[in-house]
Amino acid sequence: MNNKHAEIKLLCPSAKCKKCRRIIDDIKKIIEKLDIIVDFEVVTEIDDLLKLRAWIFPTLFVNGVKIYEGYVPKHKFLKSKLTDLLMK
């Protein structure tokens, strides 16, 4: 494992819905293969959502950069974006 470290936040008021579960599973699979340390958090509390100024869900932040909001991305798009941002 290399020394890279990253932070991923998925903003989803209800992390139990089918769409969010799919995103969570995809992210876990992708970061497992990247060989870096990742703090992955699913943000569900309204106060935390407001602090991040996200009004459309789901929203994904990687190292403070908003990757997408308001839709469920395809695995290929998510893998490409995470790889590009996390392997810098």
Foldseek 3Di string as FASTA:
>chain_A
DDEFEKEKEWEDQDCPDPLNVVLVVLVVVLVVVLPYHYHYYYDRDPVVCVVLVDDFPGWMDMRNRTDDGHDRDDSVSVNVVCCVVRVD
